[in-house]
């Protein structure tokens, strides 16, 4: 499975970063400004950056000290990435090569003493770039894992999952989620289930060997009490969790148990997975079809797919998931 949009983003980012590996300070500054404009133009990048910066409340102070030559380099890769971005942003906004010269002088012992731009590139740009690149890799890996779970469930476990749901109506959603957890465990992911929180509980937070949690929620779609509005509510829940846990990405896994198709009419897809990007948060929507079609109920007595009834679909749009309220400020009124 190819995450073409992710690949494309990484390729474009890499090309722009490579241009900054030069010795000319004036050209470096121009390319840096172009790089930051490119990052600002894509919500996936801005989401990752916003999440990174929010973890360090003292970035402004640290950046001030760096530009005065009174701050040492961080030994933490994540903090170095955040500080790197803060330094790069200030350099680009100042449009002043003298600051770049000063930084090169302050930190020449850590890098090339003959090149100010190379010093900035290696000490501040690379840690930030590597963090962005690794974050995109993590999301590609997670998407591929979820899509493999979808294929495994629809090809080999459809009947078992549907029976599990029908025989345990009160706990069906939790039991289906447990099957999902079991699969992730088999893939080597470490996670904890349902930690308490102020606004409720999320189905899973998986560390993936890092300090960045995976936020995923599981819902049933049966068009009978758990239909379109229920999925929209689930989307709102996972979006709320991304805010609460300060994460750029969230995943909504939907077990569809009816013969009608669930169609997400959204402007963007990644690896053929519908995704909504709003307020620098990207929520992926993965549908697992466990409905028992006549041609899948018994492999030994299957009927052709052509024998199915005409397709009926339930559509969910971006407007269904996110309601924008119009607000007009009233300056004054007459009585």
Protein backbone atom coordinates (compact mmCIF):
# COMPACT_ATOMS: atom_id res chain seq x y z
CA UNK A 1 0.00 0.00 0.00
CA UNK A 2 1.41 3.34 -0.96
CA UNK A 3 0.76 6.49 1.10
CA UNK A 4 1.26 8.67 -1.93
CA UNK A 5 0.44 11.98 -0.28
CA UNK A 6 2.83 11.27 2.59
CA UNK A 7 5.56 10.27 0.13
CA UNK A 8 4.94 13.43 -1.86
CA UNK A 9 5.14 15.64 1.22
CA UNK A 10 8.39 14.04 2.36
CA UNK A 11 9.92 14.38 -1.09
CA UNK A 12 9.00 18.06 -1.39
CA UNK A 13 10.29 18.78 2.10
CA UNK A 14 13.56 16.96 1.46
CA UNK A 15 14.24 18.94 -1.72
CA UNK A 16 13.72 22.25 0.07
CA UNK A 17 15.92 21.25 3.00
CA UNK A 18 18.73 20.09 0.70
CA UNK A 19 18.81 23.54 -0.92
CA UNK A 20 19.72 25.02 2.46
CA UNK A 21 22.94 23.02 2.66
CA UNK A 22 24.98 25.90 1.19
CA UNK A 23 27.69 28.33 2.28
CA UNK A 24 26.10 31.58 1.10
CA UNK A 25 24.39 33.34 4.03
CA UNK A 26 22.13 35.60 1.94
CA UNK A 27 20.90 32.72 -0.22
CA UNK A 28 20.45 30.56 2.88
CA UNK A 29 18.10 33.14 4.35
CA UNK A 30 16.01 33.32 1.17
CA UNK A 31 15.70 29.53 0.96
CA UNK A 32 14.83 29.39 4.66
CA UNK A 33 11.97 31.83 4.19
CA UNK A 34 10.69 29.74 1.28
CA UNK A 35 10.90 26.57 3.38
CA UNK A 36 8.86 28.06 6.22
CA UNK A 37 6.22 29.36 3.80
CA UNK A 38 5.96 25.84 2.37
CA UNK A 39 5.50 24.35 5.86
CA UNK A 40 2.91 26.99 6.73
CA UNK A 41 0.92 26.09 3.62
CA UNK A 42 0.17 22.48 4.59
CA UNK A 43 -1.96 21.57 7.63
CA UNK A 44 -0.18 18.25 8.24
CA UNK A 45 3.11 20.08 8.75
CA UNK A 46 1.56 22.83 10.84
CA UNK A 47 -0.19 20.23 12.98
CA UNK A 48 3.10 18.45 13.72
CA UNK A 49 4.85 21.76 14.46
CA UNK A 50 2.05 23.04 16.69
CA UNK A 51 2.11 19.81 18.70
CA UNK A 52 5.88 19.97 19.06
CA UNK A 53 6.02 23.60 20.21
CA UNK A 54 3.20 23.21 22.73
CA UNK A 55 5.40 20.88 24.79
CA UNK A 56 7.88 23.62 25.66
CA UNK A 57 6.60 26.79 27.33
CA UNK A 58 10.06 28.38 27.61
CA UNK A 59 10.98 28.39 23.91
CA UNK A 60 11.01 32.18 23.64
CA UNK A 61 13.40 32.50 26.56
CA UNK A 62 15.67 29.75 25.23
CA UNK A 63 15.71 31.36 21.79
CA UNK A 64 16.60 34.73 23.29
CA UNK A 65 19.51 33.14 25.11
CA UNK A 66 20.69 31.34 21.96
CA UNK A 67 20.84 34.59 20.02
CA UNK A 68 22.89 36.08 22.84
CA UNK A 69 25.26 33.11 22.90
CA UNK A 70 24.22 32.14 26.43
CA UNK A 71 22.44 28.80 25.82
CA UNK A 72 23.88 25.33 25.31
CA UNK A 73 22.49 22.87 22.80
CA UNK A 74 19.84 20.50 24.13
CA UNK A 75 20.64 16.81 24.53
CA UNK A 76 16.99 15.92 23.91
CA UNK A 77 16.23 15.31 20.23
CA UNK A 78 12.65 16.52 20.54
CA UNK A 79 13.61 19.69 22.39
CA UNK A 80 16.40 20.31 19.89
CA UNK A 81 13.78 20.09 17.13
CA UNK A 82 11.50 22.60 18.87
CA UNK A 83 14.37 24.98 19.60
CA UNK A 84 15.61 24.55 16.03
CA UNK A 85 12.27 25.62 14.60
CA UNK A 86 12.07 28.60 16.96
CA UNK A 87 15.55 29.75 15.94
CA UNK A 88 14.82 29.27 12.23
CA UNK A 89 11.54 31.16 12.49
CA UNK A 90 13.22 34.10 14.18
CA UNK A 91 16.00 34.16 11.59
CA UNK A 92 13.49 34.13 8.73
CA UNK A 93 11.27 36.80 10.28
CA UNK A 94 14.20 39.12 10.99
CA UNK A 95 15.50 39.06 7.39
CA UNK A 96 18.86 40.01 8.89
CA UNK A 97 22.01 38.07 8.01
CA UNK A 98 23.87 39.62 10.95
CA UNK A 99 21.94 37.34 13.33
CA UNK A 100 23.00 34.37 11.27
CA UNK A 101 26.61 35.53 11.47
CA UNK A 102 26.38 35.84 15.23
CA UNK A 103 24.91 32.35 15.61
CA UNK A 104 27.68 30.92 13.47
CA UNK A 105 30.23 32.57 15.73
CA UNK A 106 28.56 31.47 18.98
CA UNK A 107 28.31 27.80 17.96
CA UNK A 108 31.29 27.37 15.63
CA UNK A 109 32.85 24.85 18.02
CA UNK A 110 29.97 22.43 17.29
CA UNK A 111 30.08 22.69 13.51
CA UNK A 112 31.97 24.17 10.57
CA UNK A 113 33.82 27.30 11.78
CA UNK A 114 34.22 28.50 8.19
CA UNK A 115 30.50 28.57 7.34
CA UNK A 116 27.75 30.27 9.33
CA UNK A 117 24.96 28.80 7.22
CA UNK A 118 26.36 25.26 7.55
CA UNK A 119 26.44 25.69 11.32
CA UNK A 120 22.77 26.72 11.37
CA UNK A 121 21.92 23.88 8.99
CA UNK A 122 23.51 21.15 11.11
CA UNK A 123 22.64 22.44 14.60
CA UNK A 124 19.14 23.84 14.15
CA UNK A 125 17.64 22.84 10.80
CA UNK A 126 18.53 19.13 10.76
CA UNK A 127 17.06 18.28 14.22
CA UNK A 128 13.81 20.01 13.23
CA UNK A 129 13.69 18.37 9.78
CA UNK A 130 14.41 14.90 11.19
CA UNK A 131 11.54 15.27 13.67
CA UNK A 132 9.07 16.22 10.91
CA UNK A 133 10.30 13.39 8.68
CA UNK A 134 10.01 10.80 11.46
CA UNK A 135 6.52 11.98 12.37
CA UNK A 136 5.35 11.46 8.80
CA UNK A 137 6.97 8.01 8.77
CA UNK A 138 5.10 7.13 11.99
CA UNK A 139 1.77 8.11 10.44
CA UNK A 140 2.49 6.05 7.30
CA UNK A 141 3.32 3.04 9.46
CA UNK A 142 0.17 3.49 11.51
CA UNK A 143 -2.02 3.83 8.43
CA UNK A 144 -0.54 0.68 6.92
CA UNK A 145 -1.13 -1.21 10.19
CA UNK A 146 -4.76 -0.09 10.33
CA UNK A 147 -5.34 -0.97 6.68
CA UNK A 148 -3.84 -4.43 7.24
CA UNK A 149 -6.24 -4.89 10.18
CA UNK A 150 -9.12 -3.85 7.91
CA UNK A 151 -8.09 -6.40 5.26
CA UNK A 152 -7.52 -9.17 7.82
CA UNK A 153 -10.95 -8.55 9.39
CA UNK A 154 -12.88 -8.39 6.12
CA UNK A 155 -11.14 -11.37 4.51
CA UNK A 156 -10.79 -13.81 7.39
CA UNK A 157 -12.75 -12.69 10.47
CA UNK A 158 -15.93 -11.15 9.07
CA UNK A 159 -18.31 -13.81 10.42
CA UNK A 160 -16.60 -14.02 13.81
CA UNK A 161 -16.69 -10.26 14.34
CA UNK A 162 -20.34 -9.98 13.25
CA UNK A 163 -21.34 -12.85 15.57
CA UNK A 164 -19.41 -11.20 18.39
CA UNK A 165 -21.40 -8.03 17.83
CA UNK A 166 -24.83 -9.71 17.58
CA UNK A 167 -24.34 -11.97 20.61
CA UNK A 168 -23.11 -9.18 22.88
CA UNK A 169 -25.17 -6.14 21.95
CA UNK A 170 -24.43 -4.23 25.16
CA UNK A 171 -20.66 -4.75 25.03
CA UNK A 172 -20.25 -5.18 21.27
CA UNK A 173 -18.21 -2.02 20.71
CA UNK A 174 -15.78 -2.86 23.51
CA UNK A 175 -15.35 -6.44 22.32
CA UNK A 176 -14.67 -5.35 18.75
CA UNK A 177 -12.16 -2.86 20.10
CA UNK A 178 -10.46 -5.67 22.03
CA UNK A 179 -10.02 -7.59 18.79
CA UNK A 180 -8.37 -4.48 17.37
CA UNK A 181 -6.10 -4.22 20.43
CA UNK A 182 -5.14 -7.87 20.07
CA UNK A 183 -4.07 -7.27 16.49
CA UNK A 184 -1.97 -4.23 17.43
CA UNK A 185 -0.35 -6.25 20.21
CA UNK A 186 0.55 -8.95 17.70
CA UNK A 187 2.16 -6.26 15.54
CA UNK A 188 4.45 -5.29 18.43
CA UNK A 189 2.76 -2.08 19.56
CA UNK A 190 2.75 -1.26 23.27
CA UNK A 191 -0.39 0.38 24.58
CA UNK A 192 -2.66 1.00 27.55
CA UNK A 193 -6.46 0.69 27.42
CA UNK A 194 -8.92 3.33 28.54
CA UNK A 195 -6.96 5.66 30.79
CA UNK A 196 -9.24 7.95 32.76
CA UNK A 197 -9.52 11.53 31.62
CA UNK A 198 -11.52 14.62 32.43
CA UNK A 199 -13.80 14.29 29.43
CA UNK A 200 -14.29 10.52 29.38
CA UNK A 201 -12.12 7.64 28.22
CA UNK A 202 -10.46 6.91 24.93
CA UNK A 203 -10.33 3.39 23.61
CA UNK A 204 -6.59 3.24 23.14
CA UNK A 205 -3.40 5.19 23.64
CA UNK A 206 -0.43 3.34 22.10
CA UNK A 207 3.07 4.64 22.68
CA UNK A 208 4.74 2.90 19.71
CA UNK A 209 8.01 3.04 21.61
CA UNK A 210 7.98 6.85 21.83
CA UNK A 211 6.47 9.57 23.98
CA UNK A 212 3.95 10.34 21.24
CA UNK A 213 0.68 8.48 21.86
CA UNK A 214 -1.51 7.03 19.16
CA UNK A 215 -5.09 8.20 19.64
CA UNK A 216 -7.68 5.80 18.21
CA UNK A 217 -11.36 5.18 18.89
CA UNK A 218 -13.64 2.33 17.73
CA UNK A 219 -17.32 2.77 16.81
CA UNK A 220 -20.08 0.59 15.33
CA UNK A 221 -22.14 1.75 12.37
CA UNK A 222 -25.47 -0.11 12.11
CA UNK A 223 -27.89 2.70 11.09
CA UNK A 224 -30.08 1.67 14.03
CA UNK A 225 -29.21 3.87 16.98
CA UNK A 226 -25.62 3.99 15.80
CA UNK A 227 -25.92 5.69 12.46
CA UNK A 228 -24.72 8.86 10.80
CA UNK A 229 -25.07 11.15 13.82
CA UNK A 230 -23.33 8.55 16.00
CA UNK A 231 -20.30 8.52 13.70
CA UNK A 232 -20.24 12.32 13.68
CA UNK A 233 -20.26 12.24 17.47
CA UNK A 234 -17.37 9.77 17.42
CA UNK A 235 -15.43 12.09 15.14
CA UNK A 236 -15.96 14.94 17.59
CA UNK A 237 -14.72 12.73 20.43
CA UNK A 238 -11.47 11.79 18.70
CA UNK A 239 -10.91 15.42 17.68
CA UNK A 240 -11.39 16.45 21.32
CA UNK A 241 -8.84 13.84 22.38
CA UNK A 242 -6.26 15.20 19.92
CA UNK A 243 -6.68 18.58 21.58
CA UNK A 244 -6.61 17.17 25.11
CA UNK A 245 -3.48 15.07 24.51
CA UNK A 246 -1.94 17.70 22.21
CA UNK A 247 -1.53 15.32 19.25
CA UNK A 248 -1.67 16.18 15.56
CA UNK A 249 -3.28 12.90 14.44
CA UNK A 250 -6.24 10.76 15.47
CA UNK A 251 -7.92 7.62 14.07
CA UNK A 252 -11.57 6.60 14.05
CA UNK A 253 -12.11 2.89 13.33
CA UNK A 254 -15.69 2.15 12.19
CA UNK A 255 -17.16 -1.38 12.16
CA UNK A 256 -19.95 -1.35 9.53
CA UNK A 257 -22.54 -4.10 10.10
CA UNK A 258 -25.21 -3.25 7.49
CA UNK A 259 -25.45 -3.79 3.75
CA UNK A 260 -25.49 -0.07 2.94
CA UNK A 261 -22.20 1.50 2.01
CA UNK A 262 -20.66 4.16 4.23
CA UNK A 263 -19.39 6.91 1.95
CA UNK A 264 -17.20 9.73 3.26
CA UNK A 265 -17.40 12.56 0.74
CA UNK A 266 -14.28 14.42 1.81
CA UNK A 267 -11.87 16.56 -0.21
CA UNK A 268 -8.79 14.58 0.80
CA UNK A 269 -7.60 10.99 1.15
CA UNK A 270 -4.26 9.48 2.20
CA UNK A 271 -3.53 5.90 1.13
CA UNK A 272 -7.20 5.78 0.06
CA UNK A 273 -8.23 6.56 3.66
CA UNK A 274 -10.60 9.52 4.15
CA UNK A 275 -9.03 12.20 6.33
CA UNK A 276 -10.36 15.44 7.78
CA UNK A 277 -7.84 18.16 8.60
CA UNK A 278 -9.18 20.90 10.82
CA UNK A 279 -7.46 23.32 13.17
CA UNK A 280 -4.09 21.61 12.53
CA UNK A 281 -5.51 18.20 13.54
CA UNK A 282 -5.83 15.34 11.02
CA UNK A 283 -8.43 12.64 11.75
CA UNK A 284 -8.34 9.44 9.67
CA UNK A 285 -11.57 7.44 9.16
CA UNK A 286 -11.13 3.70 8.53
CA UNK A 287 -14.24 1.60 7.79
CA UNK A 288 -14.13 -2.17 8.51
CA UNK A 289 -16.99 -3.89 6.69
CA UNK A 290 -18.19 -6.89 8.75
CA UNK A 291 -21.66 -7.22 7.18
CA UNK A 292 -22.53 -10.81 6.24
CA UNK A 293 -23.21 -10.54 2.51
CA UNK A 294 -24.82 -13.58 0.82
CA UNK A 295 -21.60 -14.29 -1.07
CA UNK A 296 -19.44 -14.16 2.10
CA UNK A 297 -21.60 -15.99 4.67
CA UNK A 298 -20.41 -19.43 3.57
CA UNK A 299 -17.35 -19.68 1.30
CA UNK A 300 -18.49 -23.14 0.20
CA UNK A 301 -21.93 -21.93 -0.88
CA UNK A 302 -21.06 -18.46 -2.07
CA UNK A 303 -23.03 -16.62 -4.73
CA UNK A 304 -21.50 -14.26 -7.28
CA UNK A 305 -20.98 -10.65 -6.23
CA UNK A 306 -23.09 -9.77 -9.25
CA UNK A 307 -26.04 -11.25 -7.37
CA UNK A 308 -26.01 -8.54 -4.74
CA UNK A 309 -28.75 -5.95 -4.57
CA UNK A 310 -28.11 -2.48 -6.05
CA UNK A 311 -25.71 -0.46 -3.96
CA UNK A 312 -27.23 1.87 -1.38
CA UNK A 313 -25.01 4.37 0.37
CA UNK A 314 -25.12 6.64 3.38
CA UNK A 315 -23.05 9.75 2.78
CA UNK A 316 -21.14 11.70 5.41
CA UNK A 317 -19.65 15.02 4.34
CA UNK A 318 -17.15 17.35 5.96
CA UNK A 319 -20.07 19.65 6.75
CA UNK A 320 -21.74 16.80 8.67
CA UNK A 321 -18.60 16.32 10.77
CA UNK A 322 -17.81 20.01 11.34
CA UNK A 323 -20.57 22.59 11.75
CA UNK A 324 -19.42 26.16 11.20
CA UNK A 325 -21.68 28.63 12.95
CA UNK A 326 -22.09 32.10 11.53
CA UNK A 327 -21.59 34.78 14.15
CA UNK A 328 -22.23 38.45 13.62
CA UNK A 329 -20.98 40.87 16.20
CA UNK A 330 -23.60 43.40 17.15
CA UNK A 331 -21.91 46.75 17.66
CA UNK A 332 -24.99 48.61 18.82
CA UNK A 333 -28.76 48.40 18.79
CA UNK A 334 -31.70 50.73 18.95
CA UNK A 335 -34.54 50.49 21.41
